[in-house]
Amino acid sequence: MTSPTKKLLEHALALPEEDRRNLGEALLDSVPRRIPGETEQAWVDEARRRAELIEAGDDESLDLDQALAELRASLRPAGR
C-alpha cells in the first residue's frame, strides 16, 4: 500500500460508521467483479450436470414451495 493510500485509509477509518460503510460500498462498486475462469467453468459444469439429471428423470429436486415448507419445518422448535 502506498503512503498516500495509507494516509487516506487512516482518514477513512476515522469517519463515522455510516460514512465508512457508504465509502466502502462505493469503493467496492467501482471495482469490476471478475469471476476466475475455473470458477465460471465449475458453475457451467454444475448446471450441465443438473440439467442432465433432470432430463434423465434422476433428479431429486423439489419445487420452491416444497423446499420452503421443508426448510421452515426444520427450523421450527421441536413439539410445535
PDB file of N, CA and C in Angstrom:
ATOM      1  N   MET A   1       0.850  -1.162   0.000  1.00  0.00           N
ATOM      2  CA  MET A   1       0.000   0.000   0.000  1.00  0.00           C
ATOM      3  C   MET A   1       0.904   1.235   0.000  1.00  0.00           C
ATOM      4  N   THR A   2       0.608   2.169  -0.873  1.00  0.00           N
ATOM      5  CA  THR A   2       1.433   3.374  -0.958  1.00  0.00           C
ATOM      6  C   THR A   2       1.162   4.296   0.224  1.00  0.00           C
ATOM      7  N   SER A   3       2.072   5.204   0.459  1.00  0.00           N
ATOM      8  CA  SER A   3       1.939   6.148   1.564  1.00  0.00           C
ATOM      9  C   SER A   3       0.658   6.986   1.458  1.00  0.00           C
ATOM     10  N   PRO A   4       0.340   7.541   0.279  1.00  0.00           N
ATOM     11  CA  PRO A   4      -0.918   8.298   0.171  1.00  0.00           C
ATOM     12  C   PRO A   4      -2.150   7.430   0.461  1.00  0.00           C
ATOM     13  N   THR A   5      -2.089   6.175   0.055  1.00  0.00           N
ATOM     14  CA  THR A   5      -3.206   5.273   0.301  1.00  0.00           C
ATOM     15  C   THR A   5      -3.344   4.993   1.788  1.00  0.00           C
ATOM     16  N   LYS A   6      -2.224   4.788   2.472  1.00  0.00           N
ATOM     17  CA  LYS A   6      -2.260   4.569   3.917  1.00  0.00           C
ATOM     18  C   LYS A   6      -2.864   5.769   4.631  1.00  0.00           C
ATOM     19  N   LYS A   7      -2.472   6.969   4.200  1.00  0.00           N
ATOM     20  CA  LYS A   7      -2.989   8.195   4.816  1.00  0.00           C
ATOM     21  C   LYS A   7      -4.497   8.299   4.572  1.00  0.00           C
ATOM     22  N   LEU A   8      -4.921   7.991   3.362  1.00  0.00           N
ATOM     23  CA  LEU A   8      -6.341   8.021   3.034  1.00  0.00           C
ATOM     24  C   LEU A   8      -7.113   7.017   3.888  1.00  0.00           C
ATOM     25  N   LEU A   9      -6.544   5.838   4.072  1.00  0.00           N
ATOM     26  CA  LEU A   9      -7.180   4.816   4.899  1.00  0.00           C
ATOM     27  C   LEU A   9      -7.324   5.299   6.339  1.00  0.00           C
ATOM     28  N   GLU A  10      -6.295   5.917   6.879  1.00  0.00           N
ATOM     29  CA  GLU A  10      -6.364   6.445   8.238  1.00  0.00           C
ATOM     30  C   GLU A  10      -7.513   7.441   8.380  1.00  0.00           C
ATOM     31  N   HIS A  11      -7.634   8.334   7.402  1.00  0.00           N
ATOM     32  CA  HIS A  11      -8.719   9.321   7.435  1.00  0.00           C
ATOM     33  C   HIS A  11     -10.081   8.632   7.309  1.00  0.00           C
ATOM     34  N   ALA A  12     -10.154   7.655   6.426  1.00  0.00           N
ATOM     35  CA  ALA A  12     -11.418   6.947   6.213  1.00  0.00           C
ATOM     36  C   ALA A  12     -11.841   6.202   7.469  1.00  0.00           C
ATOM     37  N   LEU A  13     -10.882   5.582   8.166  1.00  0.00           N
ATOM     38  CA  LEU A  13     -11.208   4.836   9.379  1.00  0.00           C
ATOM     39  C   LEU A  13     -11.670   5.747  10.515  1.00  0.00           C
ATOM     40  N   ALA A  14     -11.360   7.017  10.431  1.00  0.00           N
ATOM     41  CA  ALA A  14     -11.781   7.973  11.451  1.00  0.00           C
ATOM     42  C   ALA A  14     -13.201   8.491  11.201  1.00  0.00           C
ATOM     43  N   LEU A  15     -13.774   8.163  10.059  1.00  0.00           N
ATOM     44  CA  LEU A  15     -15.132   8.606   9.732  1.00  0.00           C
ATOM     45  C   LEU A  15     -16.163   7.872  10.583  1.00  0.00           C
ATOM     46  N   PRO A  16     -17.356   8.444  10.729  1.00  0.00           N
ATOM     47  CA  PRO A  16     -18.446   7.730  11.408  1.00  0.00           C
ATOM     48  C   PRO A  16     -18.785   6.443  10.646  1.00  0.00           C
ATOM     49  N   GLU A  17     -19.363   5.510  11.358  1.00  0.00           N
ATOM     50  CA  GLU A  17     -19.641   4.182  10.787  1.00  0.00           C
ATOM     51  C   GLU A  17     -20.431   4.258   9.484  1.00  0.00           C
ATOM     52  N   GLU A  18     -21.491   5.048   9.447  1.00  0.00           N
ATOM     53  CA  GLU A  18     -22.312   5.106   8.232  1.00  0.00           C
ATOM     54  C   GLU A  18     -21.510   5.633   7.051  1.00  0.00           C
ATOM     55  N   ASP A  19     -20.678   6.642   7.285  1.00  0.00           N
ATOM     56  CA  ASP A  19     -19.839   7.165   6.205  1.00  0.00           C
ATOM     57  C   ASP A  19     -18.834   6.121   5.737  1.00  0.00           C
ATOM     58  N   ARG A  20     -18.254   5.369   6.675  1.00  0.00           N
ATOM     59  CA  ARG A  20     -17.305   4.300   6.296  1.00  0.00           C
ATOM     60  C   ARG A  20     -18.015   3.247   5.462  1.00  0.00           C
ATOM     61  N   ARG A  21     -19.229   2.891   5.883  1.00  0.00           N
ATOM     62  CA  ARG A  21     -19.992   1.877   5.142  1.00  0.00           C
ATOM     63  C   ARG A  21     -20.282   2.370   3.722  1.00  0.00           C
ATOM     64  N   ASN A  22     -20.748   3.610   3.603  1.00  0.00           N
ATOM     65  CA  ASN A  22     -21.053   4.163   2.276  1.00  0.00           C
ATOM     66  C   ASN A  22     -19.806   4.253   1.411  1.00  0.00           C
ATOM     67  N   LEU A  23     -18.704   4.676   2.009  1.00  0.00           N
ATOM     68  CA  LEU A  23     -17.445   4.770   1.272  1.00  0.00           C
ATOM     69  C   LEU A  23     -16.988   3.380   0.814  1.00  0.00           C
ATOM     70  N   GLY A  24     -17.070   2.414   1.714  1.00  0.00           N
ATOM     71  CA  GLY A  24     -16.667   1.050   1.367  1.00  0.00           C
ATOM     72  C   GLY A  24     -17.505   0.480   0.229  1.00  0.00           C
ATOM     73  N   GLU A  25     -18.822   0.694   0.298  1.00  0.00           N
ATOM     74  CA  GLU A  25     -19.695   0.198  -0.766  1.00  0.00           C
ATOM     75  C   GLU A  25     -19.371   0.877  -2.094  1.00  0.00           C
ATOM     76  N   ALA A  26     -19.129   2.196  -2.037  1.00  0.00           N
ATOM     77  CA  ALA A  26     -18.792   2.918  -3.269  1.00  0.00           C
ATOM     78  C   ALA A  26     -17.485   2.407  -3.861  1.00  0.00           C
ATOM     79  N   LEU A  27     -16.505   2.137  -2.994  1.00  0.00           N
ATOM     80  CA  LEU A  27     -15.229   1.620  -3.493  1.00  0.00           C
ATOM     81  C   LEU A  27     -15.404   0.231  -4.098  1.00  0.00           C
ATOM     82  N   LEU A  28     -16.153  -0.638  -3.432  1.00  0.00           N
ATOM     83  CA  LEU A  28     -16.380  -1.983  -3.975  1.00  0.00           C
ATOM     84  C   LEU A  28     -17.118  -1.925  -5.305  1.00  0.00           C
ATOM     85  N   ASP A  29     -18.098  -1.024  -5.396  1.00  0.00           N
ATOM     86  CA  ASP A  29     -18.850  -0.902  -6.649  1.00  0.00           C
ATOM     87  C   ASP A  29     -17.977  -0.398  -7.788  1.00  0.00           C
ATOM     88  N   SER A  30     -16.886   0.281  -7.453  1.00  0.00           N
ATOM     89  CA  SER A  30     -16.021   0.824  -8.503  1.00  0.00           C
ATOM     90  C   SER A  30     -15.054  -0.209  -9.072  1.00  0.00           C
ATOM     91  N   VAL A  31     -14.969  -1.366  -8.438  1.00  0.00           N
ATOM     92  CA  VAL A  31     -14.041  -2.411  -8.876  1.00  0.00           C
ATOM     93  C   VAL A  31     -14.821  -3.448  -9.683  1.00  0.00           C
ATOM     94  N   PRO A  32     -14.414  -3.704 -10.931  1.00  0.00           N
ATOM     95  CA  PRO A  32     -15.116  -4.713 -11.730  1.00  0.00           C
ATOM     96  C   PRO A  32     -15.049  -6.078 -11.049  1.00  0.00           C
ATOM     97  N   ARG A  33     -16.179  -6.749 -11.058  1.00  0.00           N
ATOM     98  CA  ARG A  33     -16.228  -8.091 -10.470  1.00  0.00           C
ATOM     99  C   ARG A  33     -15.811  -9.088 -11.542  1.00  0.00           C
ATOM    100  N   ARG A  34     -14.770  -9.824 -11.224  1.00  0.00           N
ATOM    101  CA  ARG A  34     -14.274 -10.829 -12.167  1.00  0.00           C
ATOM    102  C   ARG A  34     -14.397 -12.199 -11.522  1.00  0.00           C
ATOM    103  N   ILE A  35     -14.966 -13.093 -12.277  1.00  0.00           N
ATOM    104  CA  ILE A  35     -15.064 -14.466 -11.820  1.00  0.00           C
ATOM    105  C   ILE A  35     -13.916 -15.229 -12.460  1.00  0.00           C
ATOM    106  N   PRO A  36     -13.063 -15.838 -11.647  1.00  0.00           N
ATOM    107  CA  PRO A  36     -11.965 -16.609 -12.240  1.00  0.00           C
ATOM    108  C   PRO A  36     -12.514 -17.660 -13.203  1.00  0.00           C
ATOM    109  N   GLY A  37     -11.783 -17.908 -14.277  1.00  0.00           N
ATOM    110  CA  GLY A  37     -12.216 -18.854 -15.293  1.00  0.00           C
ATOM    111  C   GLY A  37     -12.586 -20.211 -14.741  1.00  0.00           C
ATOM    112  N   GLU A  38     -11.805 -20.710 -13.786  1.00  0.00           N
ATOM    113  CA  GLU A  38     -12.102 -22.045 -13.245  1.00  0.00           C
ATOM    114  C   GLU A  38     -13.405 -22.044 -12.451  1.00  0.00           C
ATOM    115  N   THR A  39     -13.717 -20.948 -11.786  1.00  0.00           N
ATOM    116  CA  THR A  39     -14.972 -20.860 -11.029  1.00  0.00           C
ATOM    117  C   THR A  39     -16.148 -20.809 -11.987  1.00  0.00           C
ATOM    118  N   GLU A  40     -16.027 -19.983 -13.012  1.00  0.00           N
ATOM    119  CA  GLU A  40     -17.095 -19.886 -14.000  1.00  0.00           C
ATOM    120  C   GLU A  40     -17.319 -21.240 -14.672  1.00  0.00           C
ATOM    121  N   GLN A  41     -16.248 -21.940 -15.013  1.00  0.00           N
ATOM    122  CA  GLN A  41     -16.381 -23.244 -15.647  1.00  0.00           C
ATOM    123  C   GLN A  41     -17.029 -24.246 -14.705  1.00  0.00           C
ATOM    124  N   ALA A  42     -16.712 -24.162 -13.416  1.00  0.00           N
ATOM    125  CA  ALA A  42     -17.324 -25.064 -12.438  1.00  0.00           C
ATOM    126  C   ALA A  42     -18.839 -24.852 -12.387  1.00  0.00           C
ATOM    127  N   TRP A  43     -19.289 -23.579 -12.455  1.00  0.00           N
ATOM    128  CA  TRP A  43     -20.734 -23.303 -12.461  1.00  0.00           C
ATOM    129  C   TRP A  43     -21.384 -23.855 -13.730  1.00  0.00           C
ATOM    130  N   VAL A  44     -20.729 -23.701 -14.849  1.00  0.00           N
ATOM    131  CA  VAL A  44     -21.260 -24.228 -16.120  1.00  0.00           C
ATOM    132  C   VAL A  44     -21.369 -25.738 -16.039  1.00  0.00           C
ATOM    133  N   ASP A  45     -20.321 -26.394 -15.540  1.00  0.00           N
ATOM    134  CA  ASP A  45     -20.327 -27.854 -15.415  1.00  0.00           C
ATOM    135  C   ASP A  45     -21.447 -28.321 -14.487  1.00  0.00           C
ATOM    136  N   GLU A  46     -21.640 -27.609 -13.377  1.00  0.00           N
ATOM    137  CA  GLU A  46     -22.692 -27.988 -12.427  1.00  0.00           C
ATOM    138  C   GLU A  46     -24.073 -27.816 -13.047  1.00  0.00           C
ATOM    139  N   ALA A  47     -24.277 -26.739 -13.787  1.00  0.00           N
ATOM    140  CA  ALA A  47     -25.566 -26.515 -14.448  1.00  0.00           C
ATOM    141  C   ALA A  47     -25.849 -27.619 -15.463  1.00  0.00           C
ATOM    142  N   ARG A  48     -24.825 -28.002 -16.213  1.00  0.00           N
ATOM    143  CA  ARG A  48     -24.998 -29.096 -17.185  1.00  0.00           C
ATOM    144  C   ARG A  48     -25.317 -30.411 -16.485  1.00  0.00           C
ATOM    145  N   ARG A  49     -24.600 -30.687 -15.382  1.00  0.00           N
ATOM    146  CA  ARG A  49     -24.833 -31.925 -14.634  1.00  0.00           C
ATOM    147  C   ARG A  49     -26.275 -31.988 -14.141  1.00  0.00           C
ATOM    148  N   ARG A  50     -26.750 -30.873 -13.597  1.00  0.00           N
ATOM    149  CA  ARG A  50     -28.120 -30.838 -13.080  1.00  0.00           C
ATOM    150  C   ARG A  50     -29.140 -30.978 -14.209  1.00  0.00           C
ATOM    151  N   ALA A  51     -28.878 -30.325 -15.339  1.00  0.00           N
ATOM    152  CA  ALA A  51     -29.788 -30.434 -16.482  1.00  0.00           C
ATOM    153  C   ALA A  51     -29.862 -31.869 -16.976  1.00  0.00           C
ATOM    154  N   GLU A  52     -28.728 -32.552 -17.016  1.00  0.00           N
ATOM    155  CA  GLU A  52     -28.710 -33.952 -17.444  1.00  0.00           C
ATOM    156  C   GLU A  52     -29.506 -34.833 -16.485  1.00  0.00           C
ATOM    157  N   LEU A  53     -29.382 -34.587 -15.182  1.00  0.00           N
ATOM    158  CA  LEU A  53     -30.159 -35.349 -14.204  1.00  0.00           C
ATOM    159  C   LEU A  53     -31.652 -35.145 -14.397  1.00  0.00           C
ATOM    160  N   ILE A  54     -32.045 -33.900 -14.634  1.00  0.00           N
ATOM    161  CA  ILE A  54     -33.464 -33.599 -14.827  1.00  0.00           C
ATOM    162  C   ILE A  54     -33.979 -34.280 -16.088  1.00  0.00           C
ATOM    163  N   GLU A  55     -33.221 -34.183 -17.174  1.00  0.00           N
ATOM    164  CA  GLU A  55     -33.637 -34.808 -18.435  1.00  0.00           C
ATOM    165  C   GLU A  55     -33.736 -36.320 -18.316  1.00  0.00           C
ATOM    166  N   ALA A  56     -32.862 -36.909 -17.508  1.00  0.00           N
ATOM    167  CA  ALA A  56     -32.878 -38.358 -17.332  1.00  0.00           C
ATOM    168  C   ALA A  56     -33.921 -38.799 -16.304  1.00  0.00           C
ATOM    169  N   GLY A  57     -34.513 -37.838 -15.611  1.00  0.00           N
ATOM    170  CA  GLY A  57     -35.501 -38.172 -14.584  1.00  0.00           C
ATOM    171  C   GLY A  57     -34.861 -38.682 -13.306  1.00  0.00           C
ATOM    172  N   ASP A  58     -33.575 -38.462 -13.128  1.00  0.00           N
ATOM    173  CA  ASP A  58     -32.858 -38.971 -11.962  1.00  0.00           C
ATOM    174  C   ASP A  58     -32.659 -37.932 -10.863  1.00  0.00           C
ATOM    175  N   ASP A  59     -33.246 -36.767 -11.035  1.00  0.00           N
ATOM    176  CA  ASP A  59     -33.016 -35.737 -10.027  1.00  0.00           C
ATOM    177  C   ASP A  59     -33.985 -35.903  -8.859  1.00  0.00           C
ATOM    178  N   GLU A  60     -33.590 -35.383  -7.740  1.00  0.00           N
ATOM    179  CA  GLU A  60     -34.446 -35.406  -6.560  1.00  0.00           C
ATOM    180  C   GLU A  60     -34.763 -33.973  -6.146  1.00  0.00           C
ATOM    181  N   SER A  61     -34.934 -33.109  -7.144  1.00  0.00           N
ATOM    182  CA  SER A  61     -35.177 -31.705  -6.847  1.00  0.00           C
ATOM    183  C   SER A  61     -36.597 -31.497  -6.348  1.00  0.00           C
ATOM    184  N   LEU A  62     -36.764 -30.411  -5.616  1.00  0.00           N
ATOM    185  CA  LEU A  62     -38.062 -30.040  -5.081  1.00  0.00           C
ATOM    186  C   LEU A  62     -38.503 -28.751  -5.735  1.00  0.00           C
ATOM    187  N   ASP A  63     -39.830 -28.572  -5.834  1.00  0.00           N
ATOM    188  CA  ASP A  63     -40.252 -27.262  -6.296  1.00  0.00           C
ATOM    189  C   ASP A  63     -40.080 -26.279  -5.141  1.00  0.00           C
ATOM    190  N   LEU A  64     -40.144 -25.003  -5.427  1.00  0.00           N
ATOM    191  CA  LEU A  64     -39.846 -23.977  -4.435  1.00  0.00           C
ATOM    192  C   LEU A  64     -40.739 -24.090  -3.209  1.00  0.00           C
ATOM    193  N   ASP A  65     -42.051 -24.255  -3.408  1.00  0.00           N
ATOM    194  CA  ASP A  65     -42.969 -24.333  -2.266  1.00  0.00           C
ATOM    195  C   ASP A  65     -42.632 -25.511  -1.357  1.00  0.00           C
ATOM    196  N   GLN A  66     -42.313 -26.643  -1.946  1.00  0.00           N
ATOM    197  CA  GLN A  66     -41.971 -27.834  -1.180  1.00  0.00           C
ATOM    198  C   GLN A  66     -40.661 -27.629  -0.426  1.00  0.00           C
ATOM    199  N   ALA A  67     -39.679 -27.040  -1.082  1.00  0.00           N
ATOM    200  CA  ALA A  67     -38.386 -26.796  -0.450  1.00  0.00           C
ATOM    201  C   ALA A  67     -38.527 -25.832   0.724  1.00  0.00           C
ATOM    202  N   LEU A  68     -39.306 -24.760   0.539  1.00  0.00           N
ATOM    203  CA  LEU A  68     -39.501 -23.797   1.626  1.00  0.00           C
ATOM    204  C   LEU A  68     -40.251 -24.414   2.791  1.00  0.00           C
ATOM    205  N   ALA A  69     -41.252 -25.246   2.499  1.00  0.00           N
ATOM    206  CA  ALA A  69     -42.006 -25.903   3.567  1.00  0.00           C
ATOM    207  C   ALA A  69     -41.092 -26.803   4.394  1.00  0.00           C
ATOM    208  N   GLU A  70     -40.220 -27.551   3.722  1.00  0.00           N
ATOM    209  CA  GLU A  70     -39.292 -28.425   4.446  1.00  0.00           C
ATOM    210  C   GLU A  70     -38.288 -27.616   5.266  1.00  0.00           C
ATOM    211  N   LEU A  71     -37.827 -26.514   4.708  1.00  0.00           N
ATOM    212  CA  LEU A  71     -36.890 -25.662   5.431  1.00  0.00           C
ATOM    213  C   LEU A  71     -37.548 -25.067   6.665  1.00  0.00           C
ATOM    214  N   ARG A  72     -38.750 -24.544   6.516  1.00  0.00           N
ATOM    215  CA  ARG A  72     -39.465 -23.972   7.669  1.00  0.00           C
ATOM    216  C   ARG A  72     -39.693 -25.030   8.741  1.00  0.00           C
ATOM    217  N   ALA A  73     -40.081 -26.232   8.324  1.00  0.00           N
ATOM    218  CA  ALA A  73     -40.322 -27.303   9.291  1.00  0.00           C
ATOM    219  C   ALA A  73     -39.044 -27.656  10.043  1.00  0.00           C
ATOM    220  N   SER A  74     -37.916 -27.634   9.359  1.00  0.00           N
ATOM    221  CA  SER A  74     -36.655 -27.992  10.017  1.00  0.00           C
ATOM    222  C   SER A  74     -36.201 -26.901  10.986  1.00  0.00           C
ATOM    223  N   LEU A  75     -36.664 -25.698  10.797  1.00  0.00           N
ATOM    224  CA  LEU A  75     -36.267 -24.588  11.669  1.00  0.00           C
ATOM    225  C   LEU A  75     -37.186 -24.411  12.884  1.00  0.00           C
ATOM    226  N   ARG A  76     -38.362 -25.047  12.843  1.00  0.00           N
ATOM    227  CA  ARG A  76     -39.286 -24.939  13.976  1.00  0.00           C
ATOM    228  C   ARG A  76     -38.746 -25.716  15.173  1.00  0.00           C
ATOM    229  N   PRO A  77     -38.949 -25.149  16.347  1.00  0.00           N
ATOM    230  CA  PRO A  77     -38.556 -25.894  17.559  1.00  0.00           C
ATOM    231  C   PRO A  77     -39.358 -27.184  17.670  1.00  0.00           C
ATOM    232  N   ALA A  78     -38.759 -28.200  18.256  1.00  0.00           N
ATOM    233  CA  ALA A  78     -39.443 -29.496  18.406  1.00  0.00           C
ATOM    234  C   ALA A  78     -40.718 -29.309  19.234  1.00  0.00           C
ATOM    235  N   GLY A  79     -41.776 -30.032  18.846  1.00  0.00           N
ATOM    236  CA  GLY A  79     -43.019 -30.004  19.583  1.00  0.00           C
ATOM    237  C   GLY A  79     -43.989 -28.927  19.116  1.00  0.00           C
ATOM    238  N   ARG A  80     -43.655 -28.198  18.095  1.00  0.00           N
ATOM    239  CA  ARG A  80     -44.567 -27.161  17.599  1.00  0.00           C
ATOM    240  C   ARG A  80     -45.258 -27.601  16.345  1.00  0.00           C
TER     241      ARG A  80
END
